[in-house]
Structure formats: C-alpha cells, structure tokens
Amino acid sequence: MISPLSNLPLFHLGPLPVPESVVATWGIMLLLAGGGAMLTRRLQLVPSRTQAALELIVSTVDSQIR
C-alpha cells in the first residue's frame, strides 16, 4: 500500500528526482507569470475600464494586507 504522503519521483534530471508536486507547482507559477505579463503589457497613464477594475482589485488586496 502506498501512503498518500509519499513523494514518488515523476522523472529524474540527472541524479535529482523530480516529484509530481514540483512539476505542478512550476506549471502554476508559469501560468501566473504569463497571465501577469499579459495583463501588464499595455498599461496606460489614463486607465481603461479594465485597467481601472484591476487596479481597484490590487489596491483592495494591498489595503487588506497592510
């Protein structure tokens, strides 16, 4: 029986085992970084409605953190 807490390697990079959790984490990081790059590509000094909505969300989250 395999424990659900076991960390079996998905593949090896040379001597380093790479588990599925690392691959999933890197995939999520790539999606978030790509989405952030796409959203911030065409920012303007006079914001559009979409940019204003995103800035409102960011400032709300920022005020909740501080």
PDB file of N, CA and C in Angstrom:
ATOM      1  N   MET A   1       0.847  -1.181   0.000  1.00  0.00           N
ATOM      2  CA  MET A   1       0.000   0.000   0.000  1.00  0.00           C
ATOM      3  C   MET A   1       0.893   1.245   0.000  1.00  0.00           C
ATOM      4  N   ILE A   2       0.580   2.195  -0.887  1.00  0.00           N
ATOM      5  CA  ILE A   2       1.368   3.415  -0.994  1.00  0.00           C
ATOM      6  C   ILE A   2       0.699   4.512  -0.166  1.00  0.00           C
ATOM      7  N   SER A   3       1.486   5.159   0.673  1.00  0.00           N
ATOM      8  CA  SER A   3       0.983   6.236   1.513  1.00  0.00           C
ATOM      9  C   SER A   3       0.659   7.458   0.654  1.00  0.00           C
ATOM     10  N   PRO A   4      -0.422   8.181   0.956  1.00  0.00           N
ATOM     11  CA  PRO A   4      -0.716   9.401   0.206  1.00  0.00           C
ATOM     12  C   PRO A   4       0.310  10.502   0.470  1.00  0.00           C
ATOM     13  N   LEU A   5       1.126  10.323   1.510  1.00  0.00           N
ATOM     14  CA  LEU A   5       2.155  11.303   1.823  1.00  0.00           C
ATOM     15  C   LEU A   5       3.478  10.993   1.144  1.00  0.00           C
ATOM     16  N   SER A   6       3.535   9.879   0.424  1.00  0.00           N
ATOM     17  CA  SER A   6       4.787   9.532  -0.244  1.00  0.00           C
ATOM     18  C   SER A   6       5.045  10.500  -1.391  1.00  0.00           C
ATOM     19  N   ASN A   7       6.297  10.701  -1.683  1.00  0.00           N
ATOM     20  CA  ASN A   7       6.704  11.668  -2.689  1.00  0.00           C
ATOM     21  C   ASN A   7       7.478  10.939  -3.775  1.00  0.00           C
ATOM     22  N   LEU A   8       6.777  10.185  -4.604  1.00  0.00           N
ATOM     23  CA  LEU A   8       7.425   9.402  -5.645  1.00  0.00           C
ATOM     24  C   LEU A   8       7.851  10.305  -6.793  1.00  0.00           C
ATOM     25  N   PRO A   9       9.042  10.084  -7.330  1.00  0.00           N
ATOM     26  CA  PRO A   9       9.504  10.934  -8.432  1.00  0.00           C
ATOM     27  C   PRO A   9       8.734  10.664  -9.721  1.00  0.00           C
ATOM     28  N   LEU A  10       8.440  11.735 -10.445  1.00  0.00           N
ATOM     29  CA  LEU A  10       7.783  11.641 -11.741  1.00  0.00           C
ATOM     30  C   LEU A  10       8.813  11.325 -12.817  1.00  0.00           C
ATOM     31  N   PHE A  11       9.998  11.957 -12.706  1.00  0.00           N
ATOM     32  CA  PHE A  11      11.127  11.681 -13.592  1.00  0.00           C
ATOM     33  C   PHE A  11      12.399  12.141 -12.895  1.00  0.00           C
ATOM     34  N   HIS A  12      13.523  11.921 -13.518  1.00  0.00           N
ATOM     35  CA  HIS A  12      14.818  12.299 -12.949  1.00  0.00           C
ATOM     36  C   HIS A  12      15.532  13.261 -13.887  1.00  0.00           C
ATOM     37  N   LEU A  13      16.137  14.281 -13.321  1.00  0.00           N
ATOM     38  CA  LEU A  13      17.030  15.180 -14.050  1.00  0.00           C
ATOM     39  C   LEU A  13      18.438  14.873 -13.556  1.00  0.00           C
ATOM     40  N   GLY A  14      19.093  14.005 -14.274  1.00  0.00           N
ATOM     41  CA  GLY A  14      20.392  13.527 -13.802  1.00  0.00           C
ATOM     42  C   GLY A  14      20.174  12.737 -12.523  1.00  0.00           C
ATOM     43  N   PRO A  15      20.874  13.087 -11.450  1.00  0.00           N
ATOM     44  CA  PRO A  15      20.688  12.358 -10.193  1.00  0.00           C
ATOM     45  C   PRO A  15      19.527  12.883  -9.345  1.00  0.00           C
ATOM     46  N   LEU A  16      18.874  13.961  -9.778  1.00  0.00           N
ATOM     47  CA  LEU A  16      17.821  14.580  -8.978  1.00  0.00           C
ATOM     48  C   LEU A  16      16.443  14.040  -9.337  1.00  0.00           C
ATOM     49  N   PRO A  17      15.724  13.486  -8.362  1.00  0.00           N
ATOM     50  CA  PRO A  17      14.344  13.072  -8.626  1.00  0.00           C
ATOM     51  C   PRO A  17      13.415  14.291  -8.606  1.00  0.00           C
ATOM     52  N   VAL A  18      12.493  14.358  -9.558  1.00  0.00           N
ATOM     53  CA  VAL A  18      11.546  15.474  -9.648  1.00  0.00           C
ATOM     54  C   VAL A  18      10.144  14.918  -9.400  1.00  0.00           C
ATOM     55  N   PRO A  19       9.561  15.222  -8.223  1.00  0.00           N
ATOM     56  CA  PRO A  19       8.224  14.697  -7.918  1.00  0.00           C
ATOM     57  C   PRO A  19       7.123  15.471  -8.645  1.00  0.00           C
ATOM     58  N   GLU A  20       5.945  14.884  -8.684  1.00  0.00           N
ATOM     59  CA  GLU A  20       4.795  15.485  -9.368  1.00  0.00           C
ATOM     60  C   GLU A  20       4.415  16.831  -8.758  1.00  0.00           C
ATOM     61  N   SER A  21       4.567  16.974  -7.446  1.00  0.00           N
ATOM     62  CA  SER A  21       4.212  18.236  -6.794  1.00  0.00           C
ATOM     63  C   SER A  21       5.080  19.387  -7.297  1.00  0.00           C
ATOM     64  N   VAL A  22       6.344  19.129  -7.583  1.00  0.00           N
ATOM     65  CA  VAL A  22       7.232  20.173  -8.103  1.00  0.00           C
ATOM     66  C   VAL A  22       6.807  20.559  -9.517  1.00  0.00           C
ATOM     67  N   VAL A  23       6.469  19.578 -10.330  1.00  0.00           N
ATOM     68  CA  VAL A  23       6.030  19.853 -11.704  1.00  0.00           C
ATOM     69  C   VAL A  23       4.734  20.666 -11.686  1.00  0.00           C
ATOM     70  N   ALA A  24       3.795  20.310 -10.815  1.00  0.00           N
ATOM     71  CA  ALA A  24       2.533  21.049 -10.718  1.00  0.00           C
ATOM     72  C   ALA A  24       2.772  22.475 -10.232  1.00  0.00           C
ATOM     73  N   THR A  25       3.644  22.643  -9.251  1.00  0.00           N
ATOM     74  CA  THR A  25       3.948  23.971  -8.728  1.00  0.00           C
ATOM     75  C   THR A  25       4.568  24.858  -9.797  1.00  0.00           C
ATOM     76  N   TRP A  26       5.515  24.319 -10.555  1.00  0.00           N
ATOM     77  CA  TRP A  26       6.149  25.098 -11.617  1.00  0.00           C
ATOM     78  C   TRP A  26       5.158  25.423 -12.732  1.00  0.00           C
ATOM     79  N   GLY A  27       4.239  24.510 -13.026  1.00  0.00           N
ATOM     80  CA  GLY A  27       3.208  24.782 -14.028  1.00  0.00           C
ATOM     81  C   GLY A  27       2.304  25.926 -13.603  1.00  0.00           C
ATOM     82  N   ILE A  28       1.896  25.929 -12.345  1.00  0.00           N
ATOM     83  CA  ILE A  28       1.055  27.008 -11.822  1.00  0.00           C
ATOM     84  C   ILE A  28       1.817  28.329 -11.832  1.00  0.00           C
ATOM     85  N   MET A  29       3.095  28.300 -11.461  1.00  0.00           N
ATOM     86  CA  MET A  29       3.906  29.520 -11.479  1.00  0.00           C
ATOM     87  C   MET A  29       4.027  30.082 -12.888  1.00  0.00           C
ATOM     88  N   LEU A  30       4.203  29.207 -13.882  1.00  0.00           N
ATOM     89  CA  LEU A  30       4.287  29.667 -15.272  1.00  0.00           C
ATOM     90  C   LEU A  30       2.978  30.303 -15.731  1.00  0.00           C
ATOM     91  N   LEU A  31       1.845  29.688 -15.364  1.00  0.00           N
ATOM     92  CA  LEU A  31       0.546  30.262 -15.727  1.00  0.00           C
ATOM     93  C   LEU A  31       0.336  31.630 -15.084  1.00  0.00           C
ATOM     94  N   LEU A  32       0.672  31.764 -13.800  1.00  0.00           N
ATOM     95  CA  LEU A  32       0.505  33.044 -13.117  1.00  0.00           C
ATOM     96  C   LEU A  32       1.436  34.113 -13.684  1.00  0.00           C
ATOM     97  N   ALA A  33       2.676  33.748 -13.957  1.00  0.00           N
ATOM     98  CA  ALA A  33       3.628  34.712 -14.520  1.00  0.00           C
ATOM     99  C   ALA A  33       3.206  35.129 -15.926  1.00  0.00           C
ATOM    100  N   GLY A  34       2.753  34.189 -16.732  1.00  0.00           N
ATOM    101  CA  GLY A  34       2.287  34.513 -18.081  1.00  0.00           C
ATOM    102  C   GLY A  34       1.051  35.387 -18.055  1.00  0.00           C
ATOM    103  N   GLY A  35       0.115  35.066 -17.168  1.00  0.00           N
ATOM    104  CA  GLY A  35      -1.087  35.893 -17.037  1.00  0.00           C
ATOM    105  C   GLY A  35      -0.763  37.299 -16.566  1.00  0.00           C
ATOM    106  N   GLY A  36       0.152  37.411 -15.608  1.00  0.00           N
ATOM    107  CA  GLY A  36       0.567  38.733 -15.135  1.00  0.00           C
ATOM    108  C   GLY A  36       1.254  39.536 -16.219  1.00  0.00           C
ATOM    109  N   ALA A  37       2.088  38.871 -17.008  1.00  0.00           N
ATOM    110  CA  ALA A  37       2.777  39.560 -18.105  1.00  0.00           C
ATOM    111  C   ALA A  37       1.777  40.043 -19.150  1.00  0.00           C
ATOM    112  N   MET A  38       0.775  39.222 -19.450  1.00  0.00           N
ATOM    113  CA  MET A  38      -0.231  39.622 -20.442  1.00  0.00           C
ATOM    114  C   MET A  38      -1.081  40.785 -19.931  1.00  0.00           C
ATOM    115  N   LEU A  39      -1.429  40.763 -18.640  1.00  0.00           N
ATOM    116  CA  LEU A  39      -2.275  41.825 -18.090  1.00  0.00           C
ATOM    117  C   LEU A  39      -1.536  43.151 -17.949  1.00  0.00           C
ATOM    118  N   THR A  40      -0.233  43.117 -17.759  1.00  0.00           N
ATOM    119  CA  THR A  40       0.518  44.360 -17.548  1.00  0.00           C
ATOM    120  C   THR A  40       1.231  44.836 -18.804  1.00  0.00           C
ATOM    121  N   ARG A  41       0.973  44.215 -19.921  1.00  0.00           N
ATOM    122  CA  ARG A  41       1.687  44.552 -21.149  1.00  0.00           C
ATOM    123  C   ARG A  41       1.312  45.920 -21.703  1.00  0.00           C
ATOM    124  N   ARG A  42       0.057  46.295 -21.629  1.00  0.00           N
ATOM    125  CA  ARG A  42      -0.398  47.549 -22.246  1.00  0.00           C
ATOM    126  C   ARG A  42      -1.018  48.500 -21.216  1.00  0.00           C
ATOM    127  N   LEU A  43      -0.319  48.737 -20.124  1.00  0.00           N
ATOM    128  CA  LEU A  43      -0.830  49.676 -19.127  1.00  0.00           C
ATOM    129  C   LEU A  43      -0.682  51.104 -19.644  1.00  0.00           C
ATOM    130  N   GLN A  44      -1.625  51.966 -19.253  1.00  0.00           N
ATOM    131  CA  GLN A  44      -1.635  53.348 -19.730  1.00  0.00           C
ATOM    132  C   GLN A  44      -1.731  54.301 -18.549  1.00  0.00           C
ATOM    133  N   LEU A  45      -1.305  55.555 -18.758  1.00  0.00           N
ATOM    134  CA  LEU A  45      -1.427  56.556 -17.702  1.00  0.00           C
ATOM    135  C   LEU A  45      -2.889  56.899 -17.448  1.00  0.00           C
ATOM    136  N   VAL A  46      -3.695  56.963 -18.503  1.00  0.00           N
ATOM    137  CA  VAL A  46      -5.140  57.147 -18.368  1.00  0.00           C
ATOM    138  C   VAL A  46      -5.753  55.760 -18.537  1.00  0.00           C
ATOM    139  N   PRO A  47      -6.164  55.137 -17.425  1.00  0.00           N
ATOM    140  CA  PRO A  47      -6.573  53.736 -17.495  1.00  0.00           C
ATOM    141  C   PRO A  47      -7.915  53.518 -18.190  1.00  0.00           C
ATOM    142  N   SER A  48      -8.007  52.371 -18.863  1.00  0.00           N
ATOM    143  CA  SER A  48      -9.278  51.941 -19.441  1.00  0.00           C
ATOM    144  C   SER A  48     -10.135  51.364 -18.316  1.00  0.00           C
ATOM    145  N   ARG A  49     -11.345  50.951 -18.638  1.00  0.00           N
ATOM    146  CA  ARG A  49     -12.213  50.364 -17.612  1.00  0.00           C
ATOM    147  C   ARG A  49     -11.616  49.085 -17.037  1.00  0.00           C
ATOM    148  N   THR A  50     -11.048  48.265 -17.906  1.00  0.00           N
ATOM    149  CA  THR A  50     -10.448  47.008 -17.454  1.00  0.00           C
ATOM    150  C   THR A  50      -9.269  47.279 -16.536  1.00  0.00           C
ATOM    151  N   GLN A  51      -8.409  48.207 -16.928  1.00  0.00           N
ATOM    152  CA  GLN A  51      -7.248  48.534 -16.108  1.00  0.00           C
ATOM    153  C   GLN A  51      -7.692  49.138 -14.777  1.00  0.00           C
ATOM    154  N   ALA A  52      -8.704  49.982 -14.791  1.00  0.00           N
ATOM    155  CA  ALA A  52      -9.203  50.588 -13.556  1.00  0.00           C
ATOM    156  C   ALA A  52      -9.771  49.523 -12.621  1.00  0.00           C
ATOM    157  N   ALA A  53     -10.482  48.543 -13.173  1.00  0.00           N
ATOM    158  CA  ALA A  53     -11.033  47.465 -12.353  1.00  0.00           C
ATOM    159  C   ALA A  53      -9.919  46.626 -11.734  1.00  0.00           C
ATOM    160  N   LEU A  54      -8.898  46.310 -12.528  1.00  0.00           N
ATOM    161  CA  LEU A  54      -7.779  45.533 -12.000  1.00  0.00           C
ATOM    162  C   LEU A  54      -7.008  46.315 -10.942  1.00  0.00           C
ATOM    163  N   GLU A  55      -6.824  47.624 -11.152  1.00  0.00           N
ATOM    164  CA  GLU A  55      -6.143  48.442 -10.155  1.00  0.00           C
ATOM    165  C   GLU A  55      -6.958  48.530  -8.871  1.00  0.00           C
ATOM    166  N   LEU A  56      -8.279  48.552  -8.972  1.00  0.00           N
ATOM    167  CA  LEU A  56      -9.136  48.556  -7.791  1.00  0.00           C
ATOM    168  C   LEU A  56      -8.961  47.266  -6.999  1.00  0.00           C
ATOM    169  N   ILE A  57      -8.912  46.138  -7.692  1.00  0.00           N
ATOM    170  CA  ILE A  57      -8.714  44.848  -7.025  1.00  0.00           C
ATOM    171  C   ILE A  57      -7.358  44.810  -6.333  1.00  0.00           C
ATOM    172  N   VAL A  58      -6.323  45.257  -7.028  1.00  0.00           N
ATOM    173  CA  VAL A  58      -4.976  45.239  -6.452  1.00  0.00           C
ATOM    174  C   VAL A  58      -4.894  46.152  -5.234  1.00  0.00           C
ATOM    175  N   SER A  59      -5.463  47.347  -5.322  1.00  0.00           N
ATOM    176  CA  SER A  59      -5.397  48.264  -4.180  1.00  0.00           C
ATOM    177  C   SER A  59      -6.224  47.749  -3.003  1.00  0.00           C
ATOM    178  N   THR A  60      -7.335  47.073  -3.267  1.00  0.00           N
ATOM    179  CA  THR A  60      -8.133  46.487  -2.194  1.00  0.00           C
ATOM    180  C   THR A  60      -7.361  45.385  -1.483  1.00  0.00           C
ATOM    181  N   VAL A  61      -6.738  44.506  -2.247  1.00  0.00           N
ATOM    182  CA  VAL A  61      -5.937  43.436  -1.646  1.00  0.00           C
ATOM    183  C   VAL A  61      -4.769  44.036  -0.874  1.00  0.00           C
ATOM    184  N   ASP A  62      -4.129  45.063  -1.441  1.00  0.00           N
ATOM    185  CA  ASP A  62      -2.998  45.709  -0.779  1.00  0.00           C
ATOM    186  C   ASP A  62      -3.424  46.336   0.545  1.00  0.00           C
ATOM    187  N   SER A  63      -4.585  46.980   0.575  1.00  0.00           N
ATOM    188  CA  SER A  63      -5.047  47.602   1.819  1.00  0.00           C
ATOM    189  C   SER A  63      -5.433  46.553   2.861  1.00  0.00           C
ATOM    190  N   GLN A  64      -5.881  45.385   2.433  1.00  0.00           N
ATOM    191  CA  GLN A  64      -6.205  44.315   3.374  1.00  0.00           C
ATOM    192  C   GLN A  64      -4.948  43.714   3.997  1.00  0.00           C
ATOM    193  N   ILE A  65      -3.865  43.701   3.236  1.00  0.00           N
ATOM    194  CA  ILE A  65      -2.613  43.121   3.726  1.00  0.00           C
ATOM    195  C   ILE A  65      -1.939  44.054   4.723  1.00  0.00           C
ATOM    196  N   ARG A  66      -1.977  45.336   4.471  1.00  0.00           N
ATOM    197  CA  ARG A  66      -1.267  46.299   5.330  1.00  0.00           C
ATOM    198  C   ARG A  66      -2.034  46.650   6.529  1.00  0.00           C
TER     199      ARG A  66
END
